[in-house]
């Protein structure tokens, strides 16, 4: 039955595990297939054509796993690769940009919103377009913060180096007096507490993982595709590089059992 098919989720690396955790919490009965493209990480410094190619290759892998929905947990792939995937496949394909933008508009009071992400995500202007679509008069201040991605991926969540890099990046946003910040990369929730302390605990931090998981739940319910079986969902993890690092670092960052992660080749 279509309802019993798994939900497919992919990211360039470990950051998408924040989406897996959010989806699993909101949809505990759904089976999940996750692929982290660690062999080709990071995506943020690559061209649009390359990101489209990667997104289509991974989506094809997930299709072969009989998924009923594809969730692109990577902001860069959501910015530059999602339309190619939607054009290729008829099943629901979700990205992080729209849900994150809509959540930010609801959260802001002074209509000053900051966005941080990889260079490719920021340069694409995808968040600006999505935010302006909801509120044309909102002020948006977006800056690329690429070094935060590998630091979070390495598990340096509480290191002085990560804090110093974040302070340098976020200085200009503090001056703009934003009251809402979109964490435009699924790695950034891993250092959410640090970012909040640097900016101000009064600044709303929009975790795209949470917003995306909520939208996935709504769509599955609306389309009557949600699993009705009440057993706990199973999660299968795949990585395009050796699984040892994926398991070790991912298990440390996210409270999930990654011990059975498998390496696969994406063509």
C-alpha atoms as a PDB file:
ATOM      1  CA  UNK A   1       0.000   0.000   0.000  1.00  0.00           C
ATOM      2  CA  UNK A   2       1.149   3.535  -0.788  1.00  0.00           C
ATOM      3  CA  UNK A   3       0.614   4.607   2.826  1.00  0.00           C
ATOM      4  CA  UNK A   4       3.146   2.033   4.041  1.00  0.00           C
ATOM      5  CA  UNK A   5       5.948   3.226   1.785  1.00  0.00           C
ATOM      6  CA  UNK A   6       8.821   5.099   3.473  1.00  0.00           C
ATOM      7  CA  UNK A   7       9.606   8.816   3.446  1.00  0.00           C
ATOM      8  CA  UNK A   8      12.890   9.648   1.704  1.00  0.00           C
ATOM      9  CA  UNK A   9      15.193  12.341   3.094  1.00  0.00           C
ATOM     10  CA  UNK A  10      18.580  13.466   1.811  1.00  0.00           C
ATOM     11  CA  UNK A  11      21.265  15.998   2.636  1.00  0.00           C
ATOM     12  CA  UNK A  12      24.842  16.704   1.648  1.00  0.00           C
ATOM     13  CA  UNK A  13      26.074  15.282   4.954  1.00  0.00           C
ATOM     14  CA  UNK A  14      25.034  14.952   8.572  1.00  0.00           C
ATOM     15  CA  UNK A  15      22.957  18.120   8.915  1.00  0.00           C
ATOM     16  CA  UNK A  16      19.857  16.451   7.513  1.00  0.00           C
ATOM     17  CA  UNK A  17      19.767  14.212  10.573  1.00  0.00           C
ATOM     18  CA  UNK A  18      18.123  17.170  12.330  1.00  0.00           C
ATOM     19  CA  UNK A  19      15.277  16.795   9.830  1.00  0.00           C
ATOM     20  CA  UNK A  20      15.152  13.029  10.373  1.00  0.00           C
ATOM     21  CA  UNK A  21      14.814  13.595  14.108  1.00  0.00           C
ATOM     22  CA  UNK A  22      12.078  16.208  13.626  1.00  0.00           C
ATOM     23  CA  UNK A  23      10.120  14.041  11.173  1.00  0.00           C
ATOM     24  CA  UNK A  24      10.466  11.003  13.421  1.00  0.00           C
ATOM     25  CA  UNK A  25       9.150  12.994  16.387  1.00  0.00           C
ATOM     26  CA  UNK A  26       6.114  14.340  14.503  1.00  0.00           C
ATOM     27  CA  UNK A  27       5.481  11.153  12.498  1.00  0.00           C
ATOM     28  CA  UNK A  28       6.717   8.358  14.778  1.00  0.00           C
ATOM     29  CA  UNK A  29       5.022   5.603  12.755  1.00  0.00           C
ATOM     30  CA  UNK A  30       6.575   6.533   9.415  1.00  0.00           C
ATOM     31  CA  UNK A  31       9.492   4.550   7.985  1.00  0.00           C
ATOM     32  CA  UNK A  32      12.344   6.806   6.841  1.00  0.00           C
ATOM     33  CA  UNK A  33      15.152   6.310   4.328  1.00  0.00           C
ATOM     34  CA  UNK A  34      17.980   8.821   4.858  1.00  0.00           C
ATOM     35  CA  UNK A  35      20.973   9.393   2.619  1.00  0.00           C
ATOM     36  CA  UNK A  36      23.861  11.662   3.556  1.00  0.00           C
ATOM     37  CA  UNK A  37      26.054  12.453   0.539  1.00  0.00           C
ATOM     38  CA  UNK A  38      29.199  12.678   2.656  1.00  0.00           C
ATOM     39  CA  UNK A  39      31.527  11.715  -0.206  1.00  0.00           C
ATOM     40  CA  UNK A  40      30.598  14.915  -2.088  1.00  0.00           C
ATOM     41  CA  UNK A  41      30.093  17.185   0.934  1.00  0.00           C
ATOM     42  CA  UNK A  42      29.899  20.194   1.057  1.00  0.00           C
ATOM     43  CA  UNK A  43      27.420  21.346  -1.585  1.00  0.00           C
ATOM     44  CA  UNK A  44      27.629  25.042  -0.736  1.00  0.00           C
ATOM     45  CA  UNK A  45      30.615  25.811  -2.979  1.00  0.00           C
ATOM     46  CA  UNK A  46      29.382  23.933  -6.051  1.00  0.00           C
ATOM     47  CA  UNK A  47      27.619  25.108  -9.226  1.00  0.00           C
ATOM     48  CA  UNK A  48      23.887  24.913  -9.893  1.00  0.00           C
ATOM     49  CA  UNK A  49      24.346  22.277 -12.587  1.00  0.00           C
ATOM     50  CA  UNK A  50      26.391  20.094 -10.237  1.00  0.00           C
ATOM     51  CA  UNK A  51      23.845  20.410  -7.426  1.00  0.00           C
ATOM     52  CA  UNK A  52      21.010  19.556  -9.834  1.00  0.00           C
ATOM     53  CA  UNK A  53      22.957  16.481 -10.944  1.00  0.00           C
ATOM     54  CA  UNK A  54      23.560  15.341  -7.370  1.00  0.00           C
ATOM     55  CA  UNK A  55      19.933  15.969  -6.388  1.00  0.00           C
ATOM     56  CA  UNK A  56      18.604  13.922  -9.310  1.00  0.00           C
ATOM     57  CA  UNK A  57      21.032  11.064  -8.684  1.00  0.00           C
ATOM     58  CA  UNK A  58      20.083  10.815  -5.016  1.00  0.00           C
ATOM     59  CA  UNK A  59      16.383  11.139  -5.771  1.00  0.00           C
ATOM     60  CA  UNK A  60      16.684   8.232  -8.202  1.00  0.00           C
ATOM     61  CA  UNK A  61      18.274   6.173  -5.411  1.00  0.00           C
ATOM     62  CA  UNK A  62      15.353   7.027  -3.112  1.00  0.00           C
ATOM     63  CA  UNK A  63      12.800   6.225  -5.828  1.00  0.00           C
ATOM     64  CA  UNK A  64      14.332   2.756  -6.093  1.00  0.00           C
ATOM     65  CA  UNK A  65      13.737   2.441  -2.350  1.00  0.00           C
ATOM     66  CA  UNK A  66      10.024   2.961  -3.112  1.00  0.00           C
ATOM     67  CA  UNK A  67       9.630   6.213  -1.160  1.00  0.00           C
ATOM     68  CA  UNK A  68       6.293   8.069  -1.218  1.00  0.00           C
ATOM     69  CA  UNK A  69       7.781  11.519  -0.572  1.00  0.00           C
ATOM     70  CA  UNK A  70      11.199  13.128  -1.029  1.00  0.00           C
ATOM     71  CA  UNK A  71      12.349  15.668   1.538  1.00  0.00           C
ATOM     72  CA  UNK A  72      15.394  17.682   0.507  1.00  0.00           C
ATOM     73  CA  UNK A  73      16.959  18.500   3.865  1.00  0.00           C
ATOM     74  CA  UNK A  74      19.808  20.457   2.299  1.00  0.00           C
ATOM     75  CA  UNK A  75      19.243  24.213   1.903  1.00  0.00           C
ATOM     76  CA  UNK A  76      21.648  24.406  -1.035  1.00  0.00           C
ATOM     77  CA  UNK A  77      19.891  21.574  -2.891  1.00  0.00           C
ATOM     78  CA  UNK A  78      16.507  23.080  -1.941  1.00  0.00           C
ATOM     79  CA  UNK A  79      17.639  26.371  -3.486  1.00  0.00           C
ATOM     80  CA  UNK A  80      19.235  25.038  -6.662  1.00  0.00           C
ATOM     81  CA  UNK A  81      18.134  21.450  -7.250  1.00  0.00           C
ATOM     82  CA  UNK A  82      14.528  21.077  -6.150  1.00  0.00           C
ATOM     83  CA  UNK A  83      12.882  22.214  -9.389  1.00  0.00           C
ATOM     84  CA  UNK A  84      14.822  19.626 -11.390  1.00  0.00           C
ATOM     85  CA  UNK A  85      13.649  16.907  -8.990  1.00  0.00           C
ATOM     86  CA  UNK A  86      10.026  18.091  -9.083  1.00  0.00           C
ATOM     87  CA  UNK A  87      10.122  18.117 -12.869  1.00  0.00           C
ATOM     88  CA  UNK A  88      11.448  14.557 -12.958  1.00  0.00           C
ATOM     89  CA  UNK A  89       9.115  12.921 -10.417  1.00  0.00           C
ATOM     90  CA  UNK A  90       5.408  13.203  -9.650  1.00  0.00           C
ATOM     91  CA  UNK A  91       5.517  12.347  -5.938  1.00  0.00           C
ATOM     92  CA  UNK A  92       5.606  15.170  -3.324  1.00  0.00           C
ATOM     93  CA  UNK A  93       9.030  16.841  -3.173  1.00  0.00           C
ATOM     94  CA  UNK A  94       9.614  19.173  -0.228  1.00  0.00           C
ATOM     95  CA  UNK A  95      12.464  21.582   0.442  1.00  0.00           C
ATOM     96  CA  UNK A  96      13.424  23.667   3.452  1.00  0.00           C
ATOM     97  CA  UNK A  97      13.155  27.153   1.926  1.00  0.00           C
ATOM     98  CA  UNK A  98       9.380  27.704   1.867  1.00  0.00           C
ATOM     99  CA  UNK A  99       8.610  26.298   5.332  1.00  0.00           C
ATOM    100  CA  UNK A 100      11.476  28.258   6.881  1.00  0.00           C
ATOM    101  CA  UNK A 101      10.406  31.515   5.239  1.00  0.00           C
ATOM    102  CA  UNK A 102       6.769  31.171   6.290  1.00  0.00           C
ATOM    103  CA  UNK A 103       7.754  30.380   9.864  1.00  0.00           C
ATOM    104  CA  UNK A 104      10.042  33.432   9.978  1.00  0.00           C
ATOM    105  CA  UNK A 105       7.284  35.770   8.762  1.00  0.00           C
ATOM    106  CA  UNK A 106       4.990  34.490  11.508  1.00  0.00           C
ATOM    107  CA  UNK A 107       7.701  34.932  14.140  1.00  0.00           C
ATOM    108  CA  UNK A 108       8.980  38.435  13.356  1.00  0.00           C
ATOM    109  CA  UNK A 109       7.556  41.489  15.120  1.00  0.00           C
ATOM    110  CA  UNK A 110       9.766  44.287  13.740  1.00  0.00           C
ATOM    111  CA  UNK A 111       9.862  42.722  10.231  1.00  0.00           C
ATOM    112  CA  UNK A 112      13.652  42.563  10.203  1.00  0.00           C
ATOM    113  CA  UNK A 113      14.788  39.058   9.332  1.00  0.00           C
ATOM    114  CA  UNK A 114      18.307  37.703   9.008  1.00  0.00           C
ATOM    115  CA  UNK A 115      19.320  34.667   6.966  1.00  0.00           C
ATOM    116  CA  UNK A 116      22.546  32.681   7.262  1.00  0.00           C
ATOM    117  CA  UNK A 117      23.517  29.840   4.957  1.00  0.00           C
ATOM    118  CA  UNK A 118      26.100  28.493   2.550  1.00  0.00           C
ATOM    119  CA  UNK A 119      27.413  30.750  -0.182  1.00  0.00           C
ATOM    120  CA  UNK A 120      25.335  28.942  -2.824  1.00  0.00           C
ATOM    121  CA  UNK A 121      22.126  29.259  -0.793  1.00  0.00           C
ATOM    122  CA  UNK A 122      22.626  32.963  -0.080  1.00  0.00           C
ATOM    123  CA  UNK A 123      23.723  33.786  -3.642  1.00  0.00           C
ATOM    124  CA  UNK A 124      20.656  32.026  -5.054  1.00  0.00           C
ATOM    125  CA  UNK A 125      18.397  34.563  -3.338  1.00  0.00           C
ATOM    126  CA  UNK A 126      15.914  31.763  -2.627  1.00  0.00           C
ATOM    127  CA  UNK A 127      15.071  32.906   0.897  1.00  0.00           C
ATOM    128  CA  UNK A 128      14.633  36.519  -0.210  1.00  0.00           C
ATOM    129  CA  UNK A 129      12.184  35.410  -2.903  1.00  0.00           C
ATOM    130  CA  UNK A 130      10.283  33.155  -0.512  1.00  0.00           C
ATOM    131  CA  UNK A 131      10.079  35.815   2.214  1.00  0.00           C
ATOM    132  CA  UNK A 132       9.035  38.595  -0.163  1.00  0.00           C
ATOM    133  CA  UNK A 133       6.348  36.335  -1.582  1.00  0.00           C
ATOM    134  CA  UNK A 134       4.694  36.245   1.850  1.00  0.00           C
ATOM    135  CA  UNK A 135       5.474  39.838   2.914  1.00  0.00           C
ATOM    136  CA  UNK A 136       6.858  42.216   0.247  1.00  0.00           C
ATOM    137  CA  UNK A 137       7.732  44.834   2.868  1.00  0.00           C
ATOM    138  CA  UNK A 138       9.861  42.712   5.182  1.00  0.00           C
ATOM    139  CA  UNK A 139      13.520  43.747   5.542  1.00  0.00           C
ATOM    140  CA  UNK A 140      15.953  40.907   4.860  1.00  0.00           C
ATOM    141  CA  UNK A 141      19.636  40.768   5.745  1.00  0.00           C
ATOM    142  CA  UNK A 142      21.365  37.667   4.416  1.00  0.00           C
ATOM    143  CA  UNK A 143      25.008  36.688   4.828  1.00  0.00           C
ATOM    144  CA  UNK A 144      26.951  33.573   3.810  1.00  0.00           C
ATOM    145  CA  UNK A 145      28.456  31.696   6.751  1.00  0.00           C
ATOM    146  CA  UNK A 146      30.156  28.746   5.021  1.00  0.00           C
ATOM    147  CA  UNK A 147      32.775  27.900   7.654  1.00  0.00           C
ATOM    148  CA  UNK A 148      30.073  27.033  10.178  1.00  0.00           C
ATOM    149  CA  UNK A 149      29.082  24.010   8.077  1.00  0.00           C
ATOM    150  CA  UNK A 150      32.290  21.929   8.378  1.00  0.00           C
ATOM    151  CA  UNK A 151      32.714  23.017  12.012  1.00  0.00           C
ATOM    152  CA  UNK A 152      29.242  21.702  12.853  1.00  0.00           C
ATOM    153  CA  UNK A 153      29.827  18.599  10.715  1.00  0.00           C
ATOM    154  CA  UNK A 154      32.973  17.846  12.719  1.00  0.00           C
ATOM    155  CA  UNK A 155      31.055  18.124  15.960  1.00  0.00           C
ATOM    156  CA  UNK A 156      32.842  21.287  17.154  1.00  0.00           C
ATOM    157  CA  UNK A 157      29.586  22.619  18.569  1.00  0.00           C
ATOM    158  CA  UNK A 158      31.023  24.129  21.729  1.00  0.00           C
ATOM    159  CA  UNK A 159      34.559  24.984  20.659  1.00  0.00           C
ATOM    160  CA  UNK A 160      36.106  28.434  21.018  1.00  0.00           C
ATOM    161  CA  UNK A 161      37.020  28.350  17.321  1.00  0.00           C
ATOM    162  CA  UNK A 162      33.408  27.853  16.256  1.00  0.00           C
ATOM    163  CA  UNK A 163      32.239  30.594  18.622  1.00  0.00           C
ATOM    164  CA  UNK A 164      34.817  33.064  17.285  1.00  0.00           C
ATOM    165  CA  UNK A 165      33.907  32.328  13.657  1.00  0.00           C
ATOM    166  CA  UNK A 166      30.206  32.711  14.464  1.00  0.00           C
ATOM    167  CA  UNK A 167      30.811  36.008  16.275  1.00  0.00           C
ATOM    168  CA  UNK A 168      32.620  37.429  13.247  1.00  0.00           C
ATOM    169  CA  UNK A 169      29.888  36.299  10.853  1.00  0.00           C
ATOM    170  CA  UNK A 170      26.980  37.501  13.012  1.00  0.00           C
ATOM    171  CA  UNK A 171      28.385  40.921  13.954  1.00  0.00           C
ATOM    172  CA  UNK A 172      26.720  42.695  11.023  1.00  0.00           C
ATOM    173  CA  UNK A 173      23.340  41.102  11.796  1.00  0.00           C
ATOM    174  CA  UNK A 174      23.490  42.326  15.391  1.00  0.00           C
ATOM    175  CA  UNK A 175      23.877  45.875  14.076  1.00  0.00           C
ATOM    176  CA  UNK A 176      20.736  45.488  11.930  1.00  0.00           C
ATOM    177  CA  UNK A 177      18.627  44.752  15.043  1.00  0.00           C
ATOM    178  CA  UNK A 178      16.947  41.724  13.516  1.00  0.00           C
ATOM    179  CA  UNK A 179      14.429  39.955  15.726  1.00  0.00           C
ATOM    180  CA  UNK A 180      14.333  36.730  13.685  1.00  0.00           C
ATOM    181  CA  UNK A 181      17.109  34.654  12.129  1.00  0.00           C
ATOM    182  CA  UNK A 182      16.606  31.824   9.648  1.00  0.00           C
ATOM    183  CA  UNK A 183      19.151  29.050  10.148  1.00  0.00           C
ATOM    184  CA  UNK A 184      19.500  28.466   6.428  1.00  0.00           C
ATOM    185  CA  UNK A 185      21.447  25.231   6.673  1.00  0.00           C
ATOM    186  CA  UNK A 186      20.409  22.044   8.432  1.00  0.00           C
ATOM    187  CA  UNK A 187      23.818  21.935  10.137  1.00  0.00           C
ATOM    188  CA  UNK A 188      23.164  25.169  12.007  1.00  0.00           C
ATOM    189  CA  UNK A 189      20.620  23.814  14.521  1.00  0.00           C
ATOM    190  CA  UNK A 190      23.560  21.806  15.858  1.00  0.00           C
ATOM    191  CA  UNK A 191      25.068  25.114  17.067  1.00  0.00           C
ATOM    192  CA  UNK A 192      21.733  26.815  17.758  1.00  0.00           C
ATOM    193  CA  UNK A 193      22.489  27.508  21.422  1.00  0.00           C
ATOM    194  CA  UNK A 194      25.784  29.196  20.546  1.00  0.00           C
ATOM    195  CA  UNK A 195      24.173  31.377  17.856  1.00  0.00           C
ATOM    196  CA  UNK A 196      21.408  32.402  20.243  1.00  0.00           C
ATOM    197  CA  UNK A 197      23.928  33.461  22.862  1.00  0.00           C
ATOM    198  CA  UNK A 198      25.920  35.546  20.382  1.00  0.00           C
ATOM    199  CA  UNK A 199      22.947  37.410  18.935  1.00  0.00           C
ATOM    200  CA  UNK A 200      20.493  37.693  21.799  1.00  0.00           C
ATOM    201  CA  UNK A 201      18.176  35.267  23.434  1.00  0.00           C
ATOM    202  CA  UNK A 202      15.358  37.598  22.315  1.00  0.00           C
ATOM    203  CA  UNK A 203      16.059  36.828  18.643  1.00  0.00           C
ATOM    204  CA  UNK A 204      13.798  34.116  17.220  1.00  0.00           C
ATOM    205  CA  UNK A 205      15.852  31.360  15.624  1.00  0.00           C
ATOM    206  CA  UNK A 206      13.957  29.597  12.852  1.00  0.00           C
ATOM    207  CA  UNK A 207      14.978  25.963  12.632  1.00  0.00           C
ATOM    208  CA  UNK A 208      14.036  24.895   9.116  1.00  0.00           C
ATOM    209  CA  UNK A 209      14.090  21.244  10.197  1.00  0.00           C
ATOM    210  CA  UNK A 210      11.117  21.756  12.485  1.00  0.00           C
ATOM    211  CA  UNK A 211       9.181  23.788   9.905  1.00  0.00           C
ATOM    212  CA  UNK A 212       9.884  21.233   7.175  1.00  0.00           C
ATOM    213  CA  UNK A 213       8.819  18.288   9.340  1.00  0.00           C
ATOM    214  CA  UNK A 214       5.533  20.014  10.162  1.00  0.00           C
ATOM    215  CA  UNK A 215       4.836  20.649   6.473  1.00  0.00           C
ATOM    216  CA  UNK A 216       5.640  17.025   5.636  1.00  0.00           C
ATOM    217  CA  UNK A 217       3.127  15.877   8.233  1.00  0.00           C
ATOM    218  CA  UNK A 218       0.439  18.207   6.893  1.00  0.00           C
ATOM    219  CA  UNK A 219       0.926  17.055   3.295  1.00  0.00           C
ATOM    220  CA  UNK A 220       0.871  13.352   4.189  1.00  0.00           C
ATOM    221  CA  UNK A 221      -2.364  13.848   6.115  1.00  0.00           C
ATOM    222  CA  UNK A 222      -3.991  16.018   3.417  1.00  0.00           C
ATOM    223  CA  UNK A 223      -3.082  13.557   0.660  1.00  0.00           C
ATOM    224  CA  UNK A 224      -4.139  10.609   2.843  1.00  0.00           C
ATOM    225  CA  UNK A 225      -0.643   9.149   2.526  1.00  0.00           C
ATOM    226  CA  UNK A 226       0.186   8.913   6.251  1.00  0.00           C
ATOM    227  CA  UNK A 227       0.922   5.446   7.577  1.00  0.00           C
ATOM    228  CA  UNK A 228      -1.992   4.031   9.560  1.00  0.00           C
ATOM    229  CA  UNK A 229      -0.017   1.193  11.147  1.00  0.00           C
ATOM    230  CA  UNK A 230       0.726   2.255  14.726  1.00  0.00           C
ATOM    231  CA  UNK A 231       4.030   0.411  15.078  1.00  0.00           C
ATOM    232  CA  UNK A 232       7.145   2.576  15.566  1.00  0.00           C
ATOM    233  CA  UNK A 233       8.682   3.606  12.254  1.00  0.00           C
ATOM    234  CA  UNK A 234      12.029   2.185  11.115  1.00  0.00           C
ATOM    235  CA  UNK A 235      14.873   4.434   9.949  1.00  0.00           C
ATOM    236  CA  UNK A 236      17.476   3.196   7.454  1.00  0.00           C
ATOM    237  CA  UNK A 237      20.628   5.290   7.023  1.00  0.00           C
ATOM    238  CA  UNK A 238      22.879   5.412   3.978  1.00  0.00           C
ATOM    239  CA  UNK A 239      26.053   7.351   3.274  1.00  0.00           C
ATOM    240  CA  UNK A 240      28.143   7.744   0.128  1.00  0.00           C
ATOM    241  CA  UNK A 241      31.438   7.593   2.057  1.00  0.00           C
ATOM    242  CA  UNK A 242      32.710   5.096   4.600  1.00  0.00           C
ATOM    243  CA  UNK A 243      30.105   4.788   7.366  1.00  0.00           C
ATOM    244  CA  UNK A 244      32.497   4.867  10.333  1.00  0.00           C
ATOM    245  CA  UNK A 245      32.787   8.651  10.480  1.00  0.00           C
ATOM    246  CA  UNK A 246      29.086   9.074   9.677  1.00  0.00           C
ATOM    247  CA  UNK A 247      28.146   6.794  12.568  1.00  0.00           C
ATOM    248  CA  UNK A 248      30.635   8.231  15.056  1.00  0.00           C
ATOM    249  CA  UNK A 249      29.983  11.930  14.401  1.00  0.00           C
ATOM    250  CA  UNK A 250      26.264  11.617  13.692  1.00  0.00           C
ATOM    251  CA  UNK A 251      25.597   9.598  16.839  1.00  0.00           C
ATOM    252  CA  UNK A 252      27.423  12.219  18.880  1.00  0.00           C
ATOM    253  CA  UNK A 253      25.457  15.095  17.358  1.00  0.00           C
ATOM    254  CA  UNK A 254      21.997  13.536  17.248  1.00  0.00           C
ATOM    255  CA  UNK A 255      20.459  11.094  19.720  1.00  0.00           C
ATOM    256  CA  UNK A 256      19.733   8.443  17.092  1.00  0.00           C
ATOM    257  CA  UNK A 257      21.109   4.966  16.542  1.00  0.00           C
ATOM    258  CA  UNK A 258      23.156   5.132  13.329  1.00  0.00           C
ATOM    259  CA  UNK A 259      25.085   1.921  13.927  1.00  0.00           C
ATOM    260  CA  UNK A 260      23.591   0.098  10.943  1.00  0.00           C
ATOM    261  CA  UNK A 261      24.359   2.848   8.410  1.00  0.00           C
ATOM    262  CA  UNK A 262      25.415   1.458   5.027  1.00  0.00           C
ATOM    263  CA  UNK A 263      27.692   2.836   2.340  1.00  0.00           C
ATOM    264  CA  UNK A 264      26.196   3.096  -1.143  1.00  0.00           C
ATOM    265  CA  UNK A 265      27.449   4.213  -4.546  1.00  0.00           C
ATOM    266  CA  UNK A 266      25.376   6.898  -6.269  1.00  0.00           C
ATOM    267  CA  UNK A 267      25.637   6.940 -10.054  1.00  0.00           C
END
